[in-house]
Amino acid sequence: MRKQMARQKDLFEEVVREALVPDEIQPALVTQLALLMFALIDVIETEVHDEQDRR
């Protein structure tokens, strides 16, 4: 029973490692994500402002 549990844990850790973003790509990815979030915030604020102007 303990061997099966250890094997399942190893399998999970392998899947997690494969899903991680490589260290050399992380800074560019974080920068792009931040830019996307700022753009989305601007769009939402514009929509809110437009909705308030119609009344």
PDB file of N, CA and C in Angstrom:
ATOM      1  N   MET A   1       0.831  -1.194   0.000  1.00  0.00           N
ATOM      2  CA  MET A   1       0.000   0.000   0.000  1.00  0.00           C
ATOM      3  C   MET A   1       0.877   1.260   0.000  1.00  0.00           C
ATOM      4  N   ARG A   2       1.909   1.283   0.797  1.00  0.00           N
ATOM      5  CA  ARG A   2       2.787   2.451   0.849  1.00  0.00           C
ATOM      6  C   ARG A   2       3.516   2.667  -0.475  1.00  0.00           C
ATOM      7  N   LYS A   3       3.874   1.593  -1.156  1.00  0.00           N
ATOM      8  CA  LYS A   3       4.563   1.731  -2.436  1.00  0.00           C
ATOM      9  C   LYS A   3       3.648   2.385  -3.468  1.00  0.00           C
ATOM     10  N   GLN A   4       2.364   2.035  -3.476  1.00  0.00           N
ATOM     11  CA  GLN A   4       1.432   2.647  -4.413  1.00  0.00           C
ATOM     12  C   GLN A   4       1.286   4.139  -4.133  1.00  0.00           C
ATOM     13  N   MET A   5       1.229   4.504  -2.877  1.00  0.00           N
ATOM     14  CA  MET A   5       1.091   5.912  -2.519  1.00  0.00           C
ATOM     15  C   MET A   5       2.323   6.688  -2.972  1.00  0.00           C
ATOM     16  N   ALA A   6       3.507   6.119  -2.778  1.00  0.00           N
ATOM     17  CA  ALA A   6       4.735   6.790  -3.187  1.00  0.00           C
ATOM     18  C   ALA A   6       4.763   6.946  -4.706  1.00  0.00           C
ATOM     19  N   ARG A   7       4.333   5.939  -5.437  1.00  0.00           N
ATOM     20  CA  ARG A   7       4.321   6.006  -6.889  1.00  0.00           C
ATOM     21  C   ARG A   7       3.356   7.086  -7.369  1.00  0.00           C
ATOM     22  N   GLN A   8       2.194   7.195  -6.755  1.00  0.00           N
ATOM     23  CA  GLN A   8       1.231   8.218  -7.146  1.00  0.00           C
ATOM     24  C   GLN A   8       1.783   9.609  -6.867  1.00  0.00           C
ATOM     25  N   LYS A   9       2.472   9.777  -5.769  1.00  0.00           N
ATOM     26  CA  LYS A   9       3.058  11.068  -5.447  1.00  0.00           C
ATOM     27  C   LYS A   9       4.116  11.434  -6.480  1.00  0.00           C
ATOM     28  N   ASP A  10       4.955  10.483  -6.865  1.00  0.00           N
ATOM     29  CA  ASP A  10       5.973  10.743  -7.876  1.00  0.00           C
ATOM     30  C   ASP A  10       5.337  11.148  -9.204  1.00  0.00           C
ATOM     31  N   LEU A  11       4.273  10.474  -9.576  1.00  0.00           N
ATOM     32  CA  LEU A  11       3.584  10.791 -10.817  1.00  0.00           C
ATOM     33  C   LEU A  11       3.044  12.215 -10.770  1.00  0.00           C
ATOM     34  N   PHE A  12       2.454  12.602  -9.653  1.00  0.00           N
ATOM     35  CA  PHE A  12       1.928  13.955  -9.501  1.00  0.00           C
ATOM     36  C   PHE A  12       3.040  14.982  -9.624  1.00  0.00           C
ATOM     37  N   GLU A  13       4.169  14.727  -8.977  1.00  0.00           N
ATOM     38  CA  GLU A  13       5.280  15.680  -9.033  1.00  0.00           C
ATOM     39  C   GLU A  13       5.821  15.815 -10.446  1.00  0.00           C
ATOM     40  N   GLU A  14       5.845  14.737 -11.205  1.00  0.00           N
ATOM     41  CA  GLU A  14       6.305  14.812 -12.590  1.00  0.00           C
ATOM     42  C   GLU A  14       5.364  15.667 -13.424  1.00  0.00           C
ATOM     43  N   VAL A  15       4.066  15.517 -13.225  1.00  0.00           N
ATOM     44  CA  VAL A  15       3.089  16.298 -13.982  1.00  0.00           C
ATOM     45  C   VAL A  15       3.245  17.777 -13.645  1.00  0.00           C
ATOM     46  N   VAL A  16       3.445  18.097 -12.378  1.00  0.00           N
ATOM     47  CA  VAL A  16       3.599  19.492 -11.963  1.00  0.00           C
ATOM     48  C   VAL A  16       4.856  20.089 -12.587  1.00  0.00           C
ATOM     49  N   ARG A  17       5.957  19.367 -12.565  1.00  0.00           N
ATOM     50  CA  ARG A  17       7.203  19.871 -13.147  1.00  0.00           C
ATOM     51  C   ARG A  17       7.035  20.162 -14.636  1.00  0.00           C
ATOM     52  N   GLU A  18       6.318  19.317 -15.348  1.00  0.00           N
ATOM     53  CA  GLU A  18       6.117  19.513 -16.780  1.00  0.00           C
ATOM     54  C   GLU A  18       5.241  20.727 -17.062  1.00  0.00           C
ATOM     55  N   ALA A  19       4.360  21.076 -16.140  1.00  0.00           N
ATOM     56  CA  ALA A  19       3.436  22.190 -16.342  1.00  0.00           C
ATOM     57  C   ALA A  19       4.064  23.542 -16.006  1.00  0.00           C
ATOM     58  N   LEU A  20       5.176  23.566 -15.303  1.00  0.00           N
ATOM     59  CA  LEU A  20       5.799  24.822 -14.907  1.00  0.00           C
ATOM     60  C   LEU A  20       6.428  25.523 -16.105  1.00  0.00           C
ATOM     61  N   VAL A  21       6.430  26.843 -16.069  1.00  0.00           N
ATOM     62  CA  VAL A  21       7.053  27.639 -17.115  1.00  0.00           C
ATOM     63  C   VAL A  21       8.556  27.695 -16.843  1.00  0.00           C
ATOM     64  N   PRO A  22       9.376  27.494 -17.858  1.00  0.00           N
ATOM     65  CA  PRO A  22      10.830  27.555 -17.659  1.00  0.00           C
ATOM     66  C   PRO A  22      11.266  28.921 -17.118  1.00  0.00           C
ATOM     67  N   ASP A  23      12.307  28.936 -16.309  1.00  0.00           N
ATOM     68  CA  ASP A  23      12.781  30.164 -15.665  1.00  0.00           C
ATOM     69  C   ASP A  23      13.112  31.261 -16.664  1.00  0.00           C
ATOM     70  N   GLU A  24      13.668  30.909 -17.817  1.00  0.00           N
ATOM     71  CA  GLU A  24      14.076  31.936 -18.781  1.00  0.00           C
ATOM     72  C   GLU A  24      12.877  32.612 -19.461  1.00  0.00           C
ATOM     73  N   ILE A  25      11.713  31.986 -19.424  1.00  0.00           N
ATOM     74  CA  ILE A  25      10.520  32.554 -20.056  1.00  0.00           C
ATOM     75  C   ILE A  25       9.673  33.332 -19.054  1.00  0.00           C
ATOM     76  N   GLN A  26       9.820  33.065 -17.772  1.00  0.00           N
ATOM     77  CA  GLN A  26       8.952  33.665 -16.753  1.00  0.00           C
ATOM     78  C   GLN A  26       8.930  35.191 -16.767  1.00  0.00           C
ATOM     79  N   PRO A  27      10.066  35.898 -16.831  1.00  0.00           N
ATOM     80  CA  PRO A  27       9.985  37.376 -16.807  1.00  0.00           C
ATOM     81  C   PRO A  27       9.169  37.948 -17.964  1.00  0.00           C
ATOM     82  N   ALA A  28       9.360  37.427 -19.167  1.00  0.00           N
ATOM     83  CA  ALA A  28       8.600  37.920 -20.320  1.00  0.00           C
ATOM     84  C   ALA A  28       7.126  37.590 -20.169  1.00  0.00           C
ATOM     85  N   LEU A  29       6.823  36.423 -19.647  1.00  0.00           N
ATOM     86  CA  LEU A  29       5.437  36.018 -19.449  1.00  0.00           C
ATOM     87  C   LEU A  29       4.748  36.901 -18.414  1.00  0.00           C
ATOM     88  N   VAL A  30       5.431  37.196 -17.338  1.00  0.00           N
ATOM     89  CA  VAL A  30       4.867  38.065 -16.292  1.00  0.00           C
ATOM     90  C   VAL A  30       4.631  39.471 -16.849  1.00  0.00           C
ATOM     91  N   THR A  31       5.569  39.968 -17.643  1.00  0.00           N
ATOM     92  CA  THR A  31       5.415  41.291 -18.247  1.00  0.00           C
ATOM     93  C   THR A  31       4.205  41.335 -19.165  1.00  0.00           C
ATOM     94  N   GLN A  32       4.060  40.331 -20.015  1.00  0.00           N
ATOM     95  CA  GLN A  32       2.921  40.282 -20.931  1.00  0.00           C
ATOM     96  C   GLN A  32       1.602  40.158 -20.177  1.00  0.00           C
ATOM     97  N   LEU A  33       1.597  39.377 -19.122  1.00  0.00           N
ATOM     98  CA  LEU A  33       0.384  39.227 -18.316  1.00  0.00           C
ATOM     99  C   LEU A  33       0.010  40.539 -17.647  1.00  0.00           C
ATOM    100  N   ALA A  34       0.992  41.266 -17.133  1.00  0.00           N
ATOM    101  CA  ALA A  34       0.726  42.560 -16.502  1.00  0.00           C
ATOM    102  C   ALA A  34       0.164  43.548 -17.521  1.00  0.00           C
ATOM    103  N   LEU A  35       0.738  43.584 -18.728  1.00  0.00           N
ATOM    104  CA  LEU A  35       0.238  44.476 -19.768  1.00  0.00           C
ATOM    105  C   LEU A  35      -1.198  44.122 -20.158  1.00  0.00           C
ATOM    106  N   LEU A  36      -1.476  42.845 -20.241  1.00  0.00           N
ATOM    107  CA  LEU A  36      -2.834  42.395 -20.551  1.00  0.00           C
ATOM    108  C   LEU A  36      -3.808  42.817 -19.458  1.00  0.00           C
ATOM    109  N   MET A  37      -3.396  42.690 -18.207  1.00  0.00           N
ATOM    110  CA  MET A  37      -4.269  43.072 -17.090  1.00  0.00           C
ATOM    111  C   MET A  37      -4.538  44.571 -17.106  1.00  0.00           C
ATOM    112  N   PHE A  38      -3.511  45.397 -17.364  1.00  0.00           N
ATOM    113  CA  PHE A  38      -3.716  46.845 -17.431  1.00  0.00           C
ATOM    114  C   PHE A  38      -4.659  47.204 -18.569  1.00  0.00           C
ATOM    115  N   ALA A  39      -4.504  46.544 -19.720  1.00  0.00           N
ATOM    116  CA  ALA A  39      -5.384  46.810 -20.854  1.00  0.00           C
ATOM    117  C   ALA A  39      -6.822  46.434 -20.512  1.00  0.00           C
ATOM    118  N   LEU A  40      -6.986  45.320 -19.843  1.00  0.00           N
ATOM    119  CA  LEU A  40      -8.322  44.877 -19.450  1.00  0.00           C
ATOM    120  C   LEU A  40      -8.958  45.844 -18.455  1.00  0.00           C
ATOM    121  N   ILE A  41      -8.169  46.334 -17.534  1.00  0.00           N
ATOM    122  CA  ILE A  41      -8.680  47.315 -16.566  1.00  0.00           C
ATOM    123  C   ILE A  41      -9.147  48.572 -17.297  1.00  0.00           C
ATOM    124  N   ASP A  42      -8.359  49.036 -18.269  1.00  0.00           N
ATOM    125  CA  ASP A  42      -8.757  50.220 -19.039  1.00  0.00           C
ATOM    126  C   ASP A  42     -10.065  49.989 -19.775  1.00  0.00           C
ATOM    127  N   VAL A  43     -10.221  48.839 -20.382  1.00  0.00           N
ATOM    128  CA  VAL A  43     -11.449  48.519 -21.113  1.00  0.00           C
ATOM    129  C   VAL A  43     -12.644  48.493 -20.161  1.00  0.00           C
ATOM    130  N   ILE A  44     -12.481  47.879 -19.010  1.00  0.00           N
ATOM    131  CA  ILE A  44     -13.574  47.806 -18.034  1.00  0.00           C
ATOM    132  C   ILE A  44     -13.944  49.201 -17.548  1.00  0.00           C
ATOM    133  N   GLU A  45     -12.941  50.018 -17.249  1.00  0.00           N
ATOM    134  CA  GLU A  45     -13.223  51.377 -16.788  1.00  0.00           C
ATOM    135  C   GLU A  45     -13.942  52.189 -17.866  1.00  0.00           C
ATOM    136  N   THR A  46     -13.547  52.008 -19.123  1.00  0.00           N
ATOM    137  CA  THR A  46     -14.214  52.703 -20.223  1.00  0.00           C
ATOM    138  C   THR A  46     -15.663  52.264 -20.340  1.00  0.00           C
ATOM    139  N   GLU A  47     -15.907  50.970 -20.232  1.00  0.00           N
ATOM    140  CA  GLU A  47     -17.282  50.458 -20.293  1.00  0.00           C
ATOM    141  C   GLU A  47     -18.125  51.003 -19.144  1.00  0.00           C
ATOM    142  N   VAL A  48     -17.575  51.039 -17.962  1.00  0.00           N
ATOM    143  CA  VAL A  48     -18.309  51.562 -16.806  1.00  0.00           C
ATOM    144  C   VAL A  48     -18.631  53.033 -17.027  1.00  0.00           C
ATOM    145  N   HIS A  49     -17.662  53.777 -17.514  1.00  0.00           N
ATOM    146  CA  HIS A  49     -17.873  55.206 -17.777  1.00  0.00           C
ATOM    147  C   HIS A  49     -18.935  55.399 -18.846  1.00  0.00           C
ATOM    148  N   ASP A  50     -18.881  54.603 -19.927  1.00  0.00           N
ATOM    149  CA  ASP A  50     -19.883  54.701 -20.993  1.00  0.00           C
ATOM    150  C   ASP A  50     -21.279  54.363 -20.479  1.00  0.00           C
ATOM    151  N   GLU A  51     -21.392  53.365 -19.644  1.00  0.00           N
ATOM    152  CA  GLU A  51     -22.699  52.968 -19.098  1.00  0.00           C
ATOM    153  C   GLU A  51     -23.263  54.090 -18.229  1.00  0.00           C
ATOM    154  N   GLN A  52     -22.419  54.772 -17.487  1.00  0.00           N
ATOM    155  CA  GLN A  52     -22.892  55.842 -16.618  1.00  0.00           C
ATOM    156  C   GLN A  52     -23.316  57.062 -17.418  1.00  0.00           C
ATOM    157  N   ASP A  53     -22.680  57.307 -18.556  1.00  0.00           N
ATOM    158  CA  ASP A  53     -23.015  58.473 -19.392  1.00  0.00           C
ATOM    159  C   ASP A  53     -24.374  58.338 -20.067  1.00  0.00           C
ATOM    160  N   ARG A  54     -24.829  57.134 -20.330  1.00  0.00           N
ATOM    161  CA  ARG A  54     -26.091  56.909 -21.053  1.00  0.00           C
ATOM    162  C   ARG A  54     -27.300  57.322 -20.212  1.00  0.00           C
ATOM    163  N   ARG A  55     -27.191  57.334 -18.933  1.00  0.00           N
ATOM    164  CA  ARG A  55     -28.333  57.635 -18.068  1.00  0.00           C
ATOM    165  C   ARG A  55     -28.492  59.097 -17.981  1.00  0.00           C
TER     166      ARG A  55
END
